[in-house]
Amino acid sequence: VPGFKKGNWIHFCDQIMLGYPHDYDFICDPVLKSSKDAEIALTQLCDGVVDCRSGLDEMGCPGRFYCSDNSTEWIEPEKVCDHAKDCQNGGDECGTCDIGYLSSTEFLIQSKIVVGFTALLAMLIIVMNSRQIFKTWKMECSTNAKATERIFLMNLFLHDLIMGVYLFGIVLVGLIIRLKGKYCMIESAWRSSWVCSIFGV
């Protein structure tokens, strides 16, 4: 086919054949190529309109950024990594984008150093404040002033303990998100979940 060796079109060649009434036809489905619905004119290939039932005529077209594999949803390449999610799944702002890398959510979730340090800090807070709560609870209160002091200390250590539990919860949630794949691909679903509402992350 003239011109198909240029511009990364060559992967379509196995599905192109001489046909009538067109000079060349694109085969949507090799199994059903005798059916009228299984072939289209070559001029309909990558024209922005899905003509094949499978959408194969609009997949893998040169000069496009596809939002996901085996998808007909695409955007112009210049819209990739432009701080705006143009794909429904946000795929155009994932992967190759390196915007504010060290402070990005993706880095904070994937970094073993950040996750390890946060988990260690959370455990230290939990252990140390649990110990202080126990010691304060056993503290003798010979006067009203001592009893009041114990209440204040118990309140302080308890709140610090809750903060440690909260940090540890964030670590666990981060690990779960990490197992699900790239955060930017599931961000919308995550932000609307009840777990996110509880932890506020």
C-alpha atoms as a PDB file:
ATOM      1  CA  VAL A   1       0.000   0.000   0.000  1.00  0.00           C
ATOM      2  CA  PRO A   2       1.583   3.338  -1.023  1.00  0.00           C
ATOM      3  CA  GLY A   3       2.810   5.428   1.903  1.00  0.00           C
ATOM      4  CA  PHE A   4       2.236   2.802   4.599  1.00  0.00           C
ATOM      5  CA  LYS A   5       5.911   2.170   5.245  1.00  0.00           C
ATOM      6  CA  LYS A   6       6.225   5.710   6.544  1.00  0.00           C
ATOM      7  CA  GLY A   7       4.712   7.054   9.735  1.00  0.00           C
ATOM      8  CA  ASN A   8       4.431   3.771  11.681  1.00  0.00           C
ATOM      9  CA  TRP A   9       1.426   2.487   9.723  1.00  0.00           C
ATOM     10  CA  ILE A  10       3.049  -0.798   8.769  1.00  0.00           C
ATOM     11  CA  HIS A  11       1.427  -2.779  11.632  1.00  0.00           C
ATOM     12  CA  PHE A  12      -1.923  -2.425   9.814  1.00  0.00           C
ATOM     13  CA  CYS A  13      -0.630  -4.187   6.671  1.00  0.00           C
ATOM     14  CA  ASP A  14      -1.740  -7.699   7.673  1.00  0.00           C
ATOM     15  CA  GLN A  15      -5.344  -6.488   7.700  1.00  0.00           C
ATOM     16  CA  ILE A  16      -5.329  -4.765   4.319  1.00  0.00           C
ATOM     17  CA  MET A  17      -6.345  -6.464   1.108  1.00  0.00           C
ATOM     18  CA  LEU A  18      -7.419  -5.573  -2.414  1.00  0.00           C
ATOM     19  CA  GLY A  19     -11.148  -5.197  -2.493  1.00  0.00           C
ATOM     20  CA  TYR A  20     -14.203  -4.026  -4.380  1.00  0.00           C
ATOM     21  CA  PRO A  21     -15.438  -1.332  -4.830  1.00  0.00           C
ATOM     22  CA  HIS A  22     -12.392   0.246  -3.139  1.00  0.00           C
ATOM     23  CA  ASP A  23      -8.772  -0.098  -4.228  1.00  0.00           C
ATOM     24  CA  TYR A  24      -7.938  -1.421  -0.788  1.00  0.00           C
ATOM     25  CA  ASP A  25     -10.065  -2.614   2.125  1.00  0.00           C
ATOM     26  CA  PHE A  26      -9.272  -2.771   5.821  1.00  0.00           C
ATOM     27  CA  ILE A  27     -10.360  -6.055   7.403  1.00  0.00           C
ATOM     28  CA  CYS A  28     -12.040  -5.460  10.761  1.00  0.00           C
ATOM     29  CA  ASP A  29     -12.334  -9.166  11.566  1.00  0.00           C
ATOM     30  CA  PRO A  30     -10.237 -11.727   9.645  1.00  0.00           C
ATOM     31  CA  VAL A  31     -12.633 -14.522  10.683  1.00  0.00           C
ATOM     32  CA  LEU A  32     -15.634 -12.755   9.152  1.00  0.00           C
ATOM     33  CA  LYS A  33     -13.866 -11.096   6.215  1.00  0.00           C
ATOM     34  CA  SER A  34     -16.497 -12.312   3.792  1.00  0.00           C
ATOM     35  CA  SER A  35     -19.113 -10.258   5.628  1.00  0.00           C
ATOM     36  CA  LYS A  36     -19.809  -6.666   4.545  1.00  0.00           C
ATOM     37  CA  ASP A  37     -19.632  -5.542   8.190  1.00  0.00           C
ATOM     38  CA  ALA A  38     -16.156  -7.028   8.538  1.00  0.00           C
ATOM     39  CA  GLU A  39     -14.399  -4.691   6.094  1.00  0.00           C
ATOM     40  CA  ILE A  40     -14.223  -0.951   5.458  1.00  0.00           C
ATOM     41  CA  ALA A  41     -12.590   1.327   2.908  1.00  0.00           C
ATOM     42  CA  LEU A  42      -8.949   2.095   3.642  1.00  0.00           C
ATOM     43  CA  THR A  43      -9.810   5.800   3.691  1.00  0.00           C
ATOM     44  CA  GLN A  44     -11.884   5.145   6.828  1.00  0.00           C
ATOM     45  CA  LEU A  45      -8.849   3.922   8.731  1.00  0.00           C
ATOM     46  CA  CYS A  46      -7.876   6.323  11.546  1.00  0.00           C
ATOM     47  CA  ASP A  47     -10.349   8.975  10.431  1.00  0.00           C
ATOM     48  CA  GLY A  48     -11.597   9.657  13.958  1.00  0.00           C
ATOM     49  CA  VAL A  49     -14.788   7.638  13.522  1.00  0.00           C
ATOM     50  CA  VAL A  50     -15.129   4.062  14.781  1.00  0.00           C
ATOM     51  CA  ASP A  51     -16.322   2.045  11.787  1.00  0.00           C
ATOM     52  CA  CYS A  52     -15.369  -1.489  12.861  1.00  0.00           C
ATOM     53  CA  ARG A  53     -17.497  -3.008  15.600  1.00  0.00           C
ATOM     54  CA  SER A  54     -14.329  -3.852  17.511  1.00  0.00           C
ATOM     55  CA  GLY A  55     -12.951  -0.327  17.054  1.00  0.00           C
ATOM     56  CA  LEU A  56      -9.851  -1.813  15.435  1.00  0.00           C
ATOM     57  CA  ASP A  57      -9.775   0.869  12.743  1.00  0.00           C
ATOM     58  CA  GLU A  58      -9.131   3.541  15.397  1.00  0.00           C
ATOM     59  CA  MET A  59      -6.582   1.650  17.523  1.00  0.00           C
ATOM     60  CA  GLY A  60      -2.832   2.168  17.251  1.00  0.00           C
ATOM     61  CA  CYS A  61      -3.037   5.074  14.828  1.00  0.00           C
ATOM     62  CA  PRO A  62       0.169   7.152  14.466  1.00  0.00           C
ATOM     63  CA  GLY A  63       0.289  10.634  15.977  1.00  0.00           C
ATOM     64  CA  ARG A  64      -2.082   9.817  18.837  1.00  0.00           C
ATOM     65  CA  PHE A  65      -1.711   9.177  22.556  1.00  0.00           C
ATOM     66  CA  TYR A  66      -4.004   6.349  23.611  1.00  0.00           C
ATOM     67  CA  CYS A  67      -5.401   6.548  27.132  1.00  0.00           C
ATOM     68  CA  SER A  68      -5.088   2.787  27.684  1.00  0.00           C
ATOM     69  CA  ASP A  69      -4.210  -0.395  25.809  1.00  0.00           C
ATOM     70  CA  ASN A  70      -6.800  -1.734  23.355  1.00  0.00           C
ATOM     71  CA  SER A  71      -8.800   1.476  23.646  1.00  0.00           C
ATOM     72  CA  THR A  72     -10.154   3.872  21.036  1.00  0.00           C
ATOM     73  CA  GLU A  73      -9.978   6.817  23.463  1.00  0.00           C
ATOM     74  CA  TRP A  74      -7.099   9.049  22.464  1.00  0.00           C
ATOM     75  CA  ILE A  75      -5.833  12.626  22.735  1.00  0.00           C
ATOM     76  CA  GLU A  76      -3.316  14.809  20.941  1.00  0.00           C
ATOM     77  CA  PRO A  77       0.275  14.087  22.099  1.00  0.00           C
ATOM     78  CA  GLU A  78       0.810  17.728  23.139  1.00  0.00           C
ATOM     79  CA  LYS A  79      -1.887  17.309  25.805  1.00  0.00           C
ATOM     80  CA  VAL A  80       0.156  14.660  27.620  1.00  0.00           C
ATOM     81  CA  CYS A  81       1.686  15.833  30.934  1.00  0.00           C
ATOM     82  CA  ASP A  82       0.122  19.297  30.704  1.00  0.00           C
ATOM     83  CA  HIS A  83      -1.203  19.303  34.316  1.00  0.00           C
ATOM     84  CA  ALA A  84      -4.744  18.556  33.078  1.00  0.00           C
ATOM     85  CA  LYS A  85      -6.317  15.101  32.853  1.00  0.00           C
ATOM     86  CA  ASP A  86      -7.787  14.771  29.383  1.00  0.00           C
ATOM     87  CA  CYS A  87      -8.237  10.986  29.450  1.00  0.00           C
ATOM     88  CA  GLN A  88     -11.110   9.684  31.540  1.00  0.00           C
ATOM     89  CA  ASN A  89      -8.737   7.462  33.519  1.00  0.00           C
ATOM     90  CA  GLY A  90      -6.099  10.188  33.838  1.00  0.00           C
ATOM     91  CA  GLY A  91      -3.613   8.102  31.866  1.00  0.00           C
ATOM     92  CA  ASP A  92      -2.202  11.153  30.097  1.00  0.00           C
ATOM     93  CA  GLU A  93      -0.812  12.435  33.399  1.00  0.00           C
ATOM     94  CA  CYS A  94       0.727   9.116  34.492  1.00  0.00           C
ATOM     95  CA  GLY A  95       3.872   7.180  33.768  1.00  0.00           C
ATOM     96  CA  THR A  96       6.230   9.415  31.822  1.00  0.00           C
ATOM     97  CA  CYS A  97       5.237  12.638  33.606  1.00  0.00           C
ATOM     98  CA  ASP A  98       7.909  13.940  35.965  1.00  0.00           C
ATOM     99  CA  ILE A  99       6.166  16.951  37.503  1.00  0.00           C
ATOM    100  CA  GLY A 100       7.275  17.731  41.057  1.00  0.00           C
ATOM    101  CA  TYR A 101       8.578  14.169  41.328  1.00  0.00           C
ATOM    102  CA  LEU A 102       9.828  14.164  44.915  1.00  0.00           C
ATOM    103  CA  SER A 103       6.604  15.688  46.226  1.00  0.00           C
ATOM    104  CA  SER A 104       4.260  13.769  43.927  1.00  0.00           C
ATOM    105  CA  THR A 105       1.695  11.350  45.347  1.00  0.00           C
ATOM    106  CA  GLU A 106       3.066   8.577  43.126  1.00  0.00           C
ATOM    107  CA  PHE A 107       6.564   8.976  44.587  1.00  0.00           C
ATOM    108  CA  LEU A 108       5.309   9.087  48.189  1.00  0.00           C
ATOM    109  CA  ILE A 109       3.360   5.857  47.652  1.00  0.00           C
ATOM    110  CA  GLN A 110       6.071   3.967  45.746  1.00  0.00           C
ATOM    111  CA  SER A 111       9.115   5.090  47.772  1.00  0.00           C
ATOM    112  CA  LYS A 112      10.255   2.325  50.135  1.00  0.00           C
ATOM    113  CA  ILE A 113      12.247   4.863  52.153  1.00  0.00           C
ATOM    114  CA  VAL A 114       9.227   7.115  52.775  1.00  0.00           C
ATOM    115  CA  VAL A 115       6.937   4.180  53.583  1.00  0.00           C
ATOM    116  CA  GLY A 116       9.526   2.518  55.837  1.00  0.00           C
ATOM    117  CA  PHE A 117      10.314   5.724  57.738  1.00  0.00           C
ATOM    118  CA  THR A 118       6.615   6.525  58.242  1.00  0.00           C
ATOM    119  CA  ALA A 119       5.897   2.982  59.468  1.00  0.00           C
ATOM    120  CA  LEU A 120       8.855   3.123  61.896  1.00  0.00           C
ATOM    121  CA  LEU A 121       7.789   6.535  63.183  1.00  0.00           C
ATOM    122  CA  ALA A 122       4.210   5.314  63.660  1.00  0.00           C
ATOM    123  CA  MET A 123       5.366   2.252  65.616  1.00  0.00           C
ATOM    124  CA  LEU A 124       7.635   4.356  67.855  1.00  0.00           C
ATOM    125  CA  ILE A 125       4.779   6.772  68.594  1.00  0.00           C
ATOM    126  CA  ILE A 126       2.409   3.902  69.407  1.00  0.00           C
ATOM    127  CA  VAL A 127       4.870   2.024  71.641  1.00  0.00           C
ATOM    128  CA  MET A 128       6.213   5.068  73.507  1.00  0.00           C
ATOM    129  CA  ASN A 129       2.801   6.594  74.178  1.00  0.00           C
ATOM    130  CA  SER A 130       1.288   3.246  75.183  1.00  0.00           C
ATOM    131  CA  ARG A 131       4.079   2.919  77.721  1.00  0.00           C
ATOM    132  CA  GLN A 132       3.526   6.462  79.025  1.00  0.00           C
ATOM    133  CA  ILE A 133      -0.219   5.891  79.308  1.00  0.00           C
ATOM    134  CA  PHE A 134       0.395   2.749  81.371  1.00  0.00           C
ATOM    135  CA  LYS A 135       2.917   4.541  83.659  1.00  0.00           C
ATOM    136  CA  THR A 136       0.629   7.520  84.102  1.00  0.00           C
ATOM    137  CA  TRP A 137      -2.333   5.270  84.904  1.00  0.00           C
ATOM    138  CA  LYS A 138      -0.278   3.595  87.660  1.00  0.00           C
ATOM    139  CA  MET A 139       0.864   6.953  89.044  1.00  0.00           C
ATOM    140  CA  GLU A 140      -0.202   7.574  92.668  1.00  0.00           C
ATOM    141  CA  CYS A 141      -2.379  10.630  93.165  1.00  0.00           C
ATOM    142  CA  SER A 142      -2.094  11.795  96.749  1.00  0.00           C
ATOM    143  CA  THR A 143      -3.609  15.202  96.053  1.00  0.00           C
ATOM    144  CA  ASN A 144      -6.219  16.723  93.752  1.00  0.00           C
ATOM    145  CA  ALA A 145      -3.436  18.491  91.853  1.00  0.00           C
ATOM    146  CA  LYS A 146      -1.768  15.150  91.110  1.00  0.00           C
ATOM    147  CA  ALA A 147      -5.080  13.662  89.968  1.00  0.00           C
ATOM    148  CA  THR A 148      -5.668  16.618  87.636  1.00  0.00           C
ATOM    149  CA  GLU A 149      -2.120  16.310  86.294  1.00  0.00           C
ATOM    150  CA  ARG A 150      -2.691  12.621  85.578  1.00  0.00           C
ATOM    151  CA  ILE A 151      -5.852  13.407  83.593  1.00  0.00           C
ATOM    152  CA  PHE A 152      -4.044  15.975  81.473  1.00  0.00           C
ATOM    153  CA  LEU A 153      -1.100  13.633  80.850  1.00  0.00           C
ATOM    154  CA  MET A 154      -3.406  10.738  79.955  1.00  0.00           C
ATOM    155  CA  ASN A 155      -5.241  12.992  77.508  1.00  0.00           C
ATOM    156  CA  LEU A 156      -1.960  14.147  75.923  1.00  0.00           C
ATOM    157  CA  PHE A 157      -0.510  10.647  75.535  1.00  0.00           C
ATOM    158  CA  LEU A 158      -3.797   9.261  74.237  1.00  0.00           C
ATOM    159  CA  HIS A 159      -3.997  11.856  71.475  1.00  0.00           C
ATOM    160  CA  ASP A 160      -0.382  11.170  70.499  1.00  0.00           C
ATOM    161  CA  LEU A 161      -1.182   7.442  70.443  1.00  0.00           C
ATOM    162  CA  ILE A 162      -4.130   8.078  68.110  1.00  0.00           C
ATOM    163  CA  MET A 163      -1.792  10.048  65.814  1.00  0.00           C
ATOM    164  CA  GLY A 164       0.544   7.045  65.689  1.00  0.00           C
ATOM    165  CA  VAL A 165      -2.350   4.742  64.795  1.00  0.00           C
ATOM    166  CA  TYR A 166      -3.421   7.232  62.117  1.00  0.00           C
ATOM    167  CA  LEU A 167       0.081   7.285  60.596  1.00  0.00           C
ATOM    168  CA  PHE A 168       0.218   3.487  60.598  1.00  0.00           C
ATOM    169  CA  GLY A 169      -3.193   3.438  58.913  1.00  0.00           C
ATOM    170  CA  ILE A 170      -1.865   5.732  56.174  1.00  0.00           C
ATOM    171  CA  VAL A 171       1.033   3.317  55.600  1.00  0.00           C
ATOM    172  CA  LEU A 172      -1.354   0.355  55.263  1.00  0.00           C
ATOM    173  CA  VAL A 173      -3.609   2.280  52.873  1.00  0.00           C
ATOM    174  CA  GLY A 174      -0.557   3.320  50.843  1.00  0.00           C
ATOM    175  CA  LEU A 175       0.512  -0.321  50.504  1.00  0.00           C
ATOM    176  CA  ILE A 176      -2.988  -1.322  49.355  1.00  0.00           C
ATOM    177  CA  ILE A 177      -3.005   1.447  46.728  1.00  0.00           C
ATOM    178  CA  ARG A 178       0.483   0.390  45.667  1.00  0.00           C
ATOM    179  CA  LEU A 179      -0.752  -3.148  44.978  1.00  0.00           C
ATOM    180  CA  LYS A 180      -3.623  -1.838  42.854  1.00  0.00           C
ATOM    181  CA  GLY A 181      -1.292  -0.126  40.385  1.00  0.00           C
ATOM    182  CA  LYS A 182      -0.524   3.476  39.488  1.00  0.00           C
ATOM    183  CA  TYR A 183      -2.246   5.916  41.819  1.00  0.00           C
ATOM    184  CA  CYS A 184      -3.051   8.417  39.088  1.00  0.00           C
ATOM    185  CA  MET A 185      -5.079   5.745  37.274  1.00  0.00           C
ATOM    186  CA  ILE A 186      -7.323   5.077  40.282  1.00  0.00           C
ATOM    187  CA  GLU A 187      -7.260   8.533  41.887  1.00  0.00           C
ATOM    188  CA  SER A 188     -10.909   9.397  41.153  1.00  0.00           C
ATOM    189  CA  ALA A 189     -12.218   6.104  42.533  1.00  0.00           C
ATOM    190  CA  TRP A 190      -9.959   6.377  45.569  1.00  0.00           C
ATOM    191  CA  ARG A 191     -10.943   9.951  46.439  1.00  0.00           C
ATOM    192  CA  SER A 192     -14.636   9.009  46.349  1.00  0.00           C
ATOM    193  CA  SER A 193     -14.157   5.927  48.574  1.00  0.00           C
ATOM    194  CA  TRP A 194     -15.170   5.736  52.254  1.00  0.00           C
ATOM    195  CA  VAL A 195     -11.619   4.711  53.247  1.00  0.00           C
ATOM    196  CA  CYS A 196     -10.253   7.965  51.845  1.00  0.00           C
ATOM    197  CA  SER A 197     -12.961   9.908  53.725  1.00  0.00           C
ATOM    198  CA  ILE A 198     -11.878   8.293  57.004  1.00  0.00           C
ATOM    199  CA  PHE A 199      -8.127   8.721  56.604  1.00  0.00           C
ATOM    200  CA  GLY A 200      -8.268  11.964  54.643  1.00  0.00           C
ATOM    201  CA  VAL A 201      -5.469  10.903  52.270  1.00  0.00           C
END
